[in-house]
N, C-alpha and C. Protein backbone atom coordinates (compact mmCIF):
# COMPACT_ATOMS: atom_id res chain seq x y z
N MET A 1 0.87 -1.06 0.18
CA MET A 1 0.26 0.00 -0.22
C MET A 1 1.10 1.38 0.23
N LEU A 2 1.73 1.16 0.43
CA LEU A 2 3.07 2.33 0.68
C LEU A 2 3.09 2.76 -0.95
N ASN A 3 3.69 1.98 -1.24
CA ASN A 3 4.22 2.01 -2.99
C ASN A 3 3.23 2.70 -3.74
N MET A 4 2.04 2.09 -3.37
CA MET A 4 0.96 2.46 -4.38
C MET A 4 0.55 3.96 -3.67
N LYS A 5 0.74 4.23 -2.49
CA LYS A 5 0.16 5.54 -2.26
C LYS A 5 1.30 6.57 -2.44
N ASN A 6 2.64 6.19 -2.63
CA ASN A 6 3.77 7.08 -3.31
C ASN A 6 3.82 6.77 -4.63
N GLU A 7 2.87 6.18 -5.64
CA GLU A 7 2.99 6.43 -6.77
C GLU A 7 1.61 7.34 -7.82
N GLY A 8 0.71 7.29 -6.57
CA GLY A 8 0.01 8.77 -6.16
C GLY A 8 -1.42 7.80 -6.70
N TRP A 9 -1.35 6.30 -6.36
CA TRP A 9 -2.93 5.85 -6.09
C TRP A 9 -3.45 6.26 -5.30
N SER A 10 -5.09 6.47 -5.51
CA SER A 10 -6.13 6.79 -4.53
C SER A 10 -6.32 5.88 -3.84
N ILE A 11 -6.09 5.40 -2.75
CA ILE A 11 -7.06 3.92 -2.09
C ILE A 11 -8.05 4.43 -1.05
N GLY A 12 -9.17 3.96 -1.45
CA GLY A 12 -10.46 4.19 -0.46
C GLY A 12 -10.87 2.72 0.06
N ALA A 13 -10.44 1.73 -0.69
CA ALA A 13 -10.75 0.43 0.26
C ALA A 13 -9.98 -0.79 0.33
N VAL A 14 -10.19 -1.52 1.32
CA VAL A 14 -9.19 -2.61 0.99
C VAL A 14 -10.45 -3.84 1.24
N VAL A 15 -10.45 -4.98 0.63
CA VAL A 15 -11.00 -6.33 0.90
C VAL A 15 -10.29 -6.78 1.55
N THR A 16 -10.56 -8.05 2.46
CA THR A 16 -9.93 -8.72 2.68
C THR A 16 -10.96 -9.91 3.22
N ASP A 17 -10.42 -11.33 3.32
CA ASP A 17 -11.11 -12.75 3.91
C ASP A 17 -11.45 -12.28 5.23
N ASN A 18 -12.26 -13.05 5.62
CA ASN A 18 -13.04 -13.21 7.19
C ASN A 18 -12.45 -13.76 7.68
N VAL A 19 -10.76 -14.24 8.12
CA VAL A 19 -10.69 -14.85 9.14
C VAL A 19 -10.08 -14.45 9.87
N GLY A 20 -9.28 -14.27 11.14
CA GLY A 20 -8.65 -14.16 12.09
C GLY A 20 -7.96 -13.54 11.62
N GLN A 21 -6.62 -13.73 11.30
CA GLN A 21 -5.75 -13.24 11.06
C GLN A 21 -6.40 -11.89 10.08
N CYS A 22 -7.39 -12.10 8.83
CA CYS A 22 -7.33 -10.69 8.37
C CYS A 22 -7.95 -9.72 8.98
N GLY A 23 -8.69 -9.78 10.29
CA GLY A 23 -9.54 -9.43 10.94
C GLY A 23 -8.47 -8.56 12.17
N ARG A 24 -7.76 -9.40 12.89
CA ARG A 24 -6.65 -8.14 13.28
C ARG A 24 -5.64 -7.58 12.53
N ALA A 25 -5.28 -7.85 10.89
CA ALA A 25 -4.69 -6.88 10.36
C ALA A 25 -5.61 -5.83 9.76
N ARG A 26 -6.81 -6.23 9.63
CA ARG A 26 -7.40 -4.82 9.45
C ARG A 26 -7.84 -3.73 10.78
N ARG A 27 -7.51 -4.55 11.68
CA ARG A 27 -7.59 -3.44 13.11
C ARG A 27 -6.60 -2.77 13.30
N ILE A 28 -5.47 -3.44 12.50
CA ILE A 28 -4.21 -2.84 12.90
C ILE A 28 -3.75 -1.91 11.77
N LEU A 29 -3.99 -1.97 10.53
CA LEU A 29 -4.06 -1.16 9.22
C LEU A 29 -5.20 0.16 9.70
N SER A 30 -6.18 -0.40 10.04
CA SER A 30 -7.38 1.22 10.25
C SER A 30 -6.56 2.18 11.07
N LEU A 31 -6.01 1.16 11.97
CA LEU A 31 -5.52 2.99 13.29
C LEU A 31 -4.23 3.53 12.22
N ARG A 32 -3.49 3.07 11.18
CA ARG A 32 -2.45 3.46 10.79
C ARG A 32 -2.88 3.98 9.38
N TRP A 33 -3.91 4.13 8.78
CA TRP A 33 -4.61 4.72 7.37
C TRP A 33 -6.20 4.67 8.00
N PRO A 34 -6.76 5.23 8.41
CA PRO A 34 -8.02 5.85 9.21
C PRO A 34 -8.97 6.38 7.83
N GLU A 35 -8.17 7.00 7.27
CA GLU A 35 -8.79 7.58 5.57
C GLU A 35 -9.30 6.22 5.34
N ILE A 36 -8.71 4.98 5.36
CA ILE A 36 -9.05 3.54 4.42
C ILE A 36 -9.97 3.03 5.31
N VAL A 37 -11.35 2.40 4.09
CA VAL A 37 -12.27 1.33 4.73
C VAL A 37 -12.18 0.48 4.36
N PHE A 38 -11.66 -0.55 5.29
CA PHE A 38 -11.17 -1.96 5.43
C PHE A 38 -12.45 -2.75 5.26
N VAL A 39 -12.75 -3.78 4.75
CA VAL A 39 -13.89 -4.33 4.61
C VAL A 39 -13.93 -5.98 4.53
N ILE A 40 -14.86 -6.55 4.87
CA ILE A 40 -14.53 -7.67 4.87
C ILE A 40 -15.35 -8.53 3.28
N CYS A 41 -14.61 -9.32 2.59
CA CYS A 41 -15.13 -9.93 1.57
C CYS A 41 -16.40 -10.39 1.82
N CYS A 42 -17.77 -10.11 1.56
CA CYS A 42 -19.34 -11.29 1.92
C CYS A 42 -19.10 -12.47 0.96
N ALA A 43 -18.56 -12.54 -0.24
CA ALA A 43 -18.70 -13.57 -0.78
C ALA A 43 -18.15 -15.26 -0.63
N HIS A 44 -17.25 -15.15 0.69
CA HIS A 44 -16.95 -16.46 0.89
C HIS A 44 -18.21 -16.60 2.33
N ASP A 45 -18.46 -15.53 2.59
CA ASP A 45 -19.46 -15.81 3.73
C ASP A 45 -20.70 -16.31 2.86
N LEU A 46 -20.74 -15.60 1.73
CA LEU A 46 -22.38 -16.04 0.98
C LEU A 46 -22.30 -17.64 0.23
N ASN A 47 -20.92 -17.83 -0.29
CA ASN A 47 -20.48 -19.39 -0.62
C ASN A 47 -20.88 -20.39 0.66
N ASN A 48 -20.10 -20.01 1.80
CA ASN A 48 -20.19 -21.10 3.07
C ASN A 48 -21.44 -20.93 3.48
N LEU A 49 -22.54 -19.81 3.31
CA LEU A 49 -23.89 -20.06 3.61
C LEU A 49 -24.86 -20.69 2.77
N VAL A 50 -24.49 -20.68 1.31
CA VAL A 50 -25.56 -21.86 0.17
C VAL A 50 -24.94 -23.28 0.65
N HIS A 51 -23.26 -23.48 1.24
CA HIS A 51 -23.33 -24.62 1.14
C HIS A 51 -23.72 -25.16 2.56
N ALA A 52 -23.91 -24.70 3.39
CA ALA A 52 -24.32 -25.09 4.78
C ALA A 52 -25.74 -25.24 4.25
N VAL A 53 -26.62 -24.77 3.79
CA VAL A 53 -28.30 -24.62 3.46
C VAL A 53 -28.13 -25.68 2.67
N LEU A 54 -27.40 -26.48 1.43
CA LEU A 54 -27.48 -27.34 0.48
C LEU A 54 -27.10 -28.84 1.11
N LYS A 55 -26.38 -28.25 2.72
CA LYS A 55 -26.19 -29.38 3.13
C LYS A 55 -27.56 -30.03 4.37
N SER A 56 -28.50 -28.93 4.29
CA SER A 56 -29.26 -29.25 5.51
C SER A 56 -30.67 -30.15 5.04
N ASP A 57 -31.47 -30.28 6.42
CA ASP A 57 -33.23 -30.66 5.64
C ASP A 57 -33.59 -29.99 4.44
N ASN A 58 -32.87 -28.65 4.33
CA ASN A 58 -34.25 -28.20 3.31
C ASN A 58 -33.39 -28.47 1.75
N ALA A 59 -32.18 -29.17 2.26
CA ALA A 59 -31.49 -29.35 0.60
C ALA A 59 -32.24 -30.60 0.23
N GLU A 60 -33.10 -31.29 0.63
CA GLU A 60 -34.06 -32.05 -0.16
C GLU A 60 -35.16 -31.46 -0.39
N VAL A 61 -35.81 -31.07 0.35
CA VAL A 61 -36.82 -30.03 -0.06
C VAL A 61 -36.65 -29.22 -1.46
N ALA A 62 -35.37 -28.46 -1.69
CA ALA A 62 -34.98 -28.15 -2.93
C ALA A 62 -34.83 -28.79 -3.92
N ASN A 63 -34.37 -29.92 -3.78
CA ASN A 63 -34.34 -31.23 -4.59
C ASN A 63 -35.52 -31.28 -5.04
N GLN A 64 -36.67 -31.61 -4.42
CA GLN A 64 -37.81 -32.30 -4.72
C GLN A 64 -38.90 -31.02 -5.74
N ALA A 65 -38.68 -29.66 -5.02
CA ALA A 65 -39.30 -29.10 -5.72
C ALA A 65 -38.53 -28.50 -7.21
N SER A 66 -37.35 -29.11 -7.06
CA SER A 66 -36.33 -28.79 -8.39
C SER A 66 -37.16 -29.75 -9.64
N ASP A 67 -36.99 -31.25 -8.87
CA ASP A 67 -37.88 -32.35 -9.43
C ASP A 67 -39.19 -31.79 -10.31
N ALA A 68 -40.14 -31.05 -9.64
CA ALA A 68 -41.32 -31.52 -9.48
C ALA A 68 -41.12 -30.05 -10.62
N MET A 69 -40.30 -29.16 -10.49
CA MET A 69 -40.50 -27.67 -11.82
C MET A 69 -39.89 -28.46 -13.19
N ASN A 70 -38.79 -29.67 -13.58
CA ASN A 70 -38.48 -30.36 -14.10
C ASN A 70 -39.57 -30.92 -14.68
N SER A 71 -40.41 -31.43 -14.14
CA SER A 71 -41.44 -32.48 -14.99
C SER A 71 -42.38 -31.51 -15.10
N LEU A 72 -42.91 -30.69 -14.69
CA LEU A 72 -43.98 -29.66 -15.62
C LEU A 72 -42.92 -29.04 -16.29
N ASN A 73 -41.91 -28.79 -16.32
CA ASN A 73 -41.52 -28.04 -17.58
C ASN A 73 -41.69 -29.15 -18.81
N ALA A 74 -40.96 -30.05 -18.71
CA ALA A 74 -40.95 -31.16 -19.53
C ALA A 74 -42.38 -31.82 -20.17
N SER A 75 -43.31 -31.58 -19.33
CA SER A 75 -44.60 -32.01 -19.81
C SER A 75 -44.98 -31.26 -20.37
N TYR A 76 -44.41 -29.57 -20.78
CA TYR A 76 -45.61 -28.73 -21.30
C TYR A 76 -44.57 -28.24 -22.40
N THR A 77 -43.67 -29.26 -22.77
CA THR A 77 -42.89 -29.05 -24.05
C THR A 77 -43.46 -30.00 -25.18
N PHE A 78 -44.02 -31.14 -24.49
CA PHE A 78 -45.07 -32.06 -25.30
C PHE A 78 -46.50 -31.98 -25.60
N VAL A 79 -47.00 -30.44 -25.06
CA VAL A 79 -48.35 -30.45 -25.61
C VAL A 79 -48.50 -29.78 -26.17
């Protein structure tokens, strides 16, 4: 970041993963550069959420709903 700032880059935000080490780094860096926003990447959390839902009891309901829709869609193509 120092090199980028020295080269004239304007840094407004930094995105990091949501692991413990990155949280500590965000806290330290935000004290050093209070004008920069340090945020957590939500894509990783969203991916974990989707995996958890697909592994839960709701996954069976989702699969049944998908099968039902596929059957309905297939039946309309022959009408």
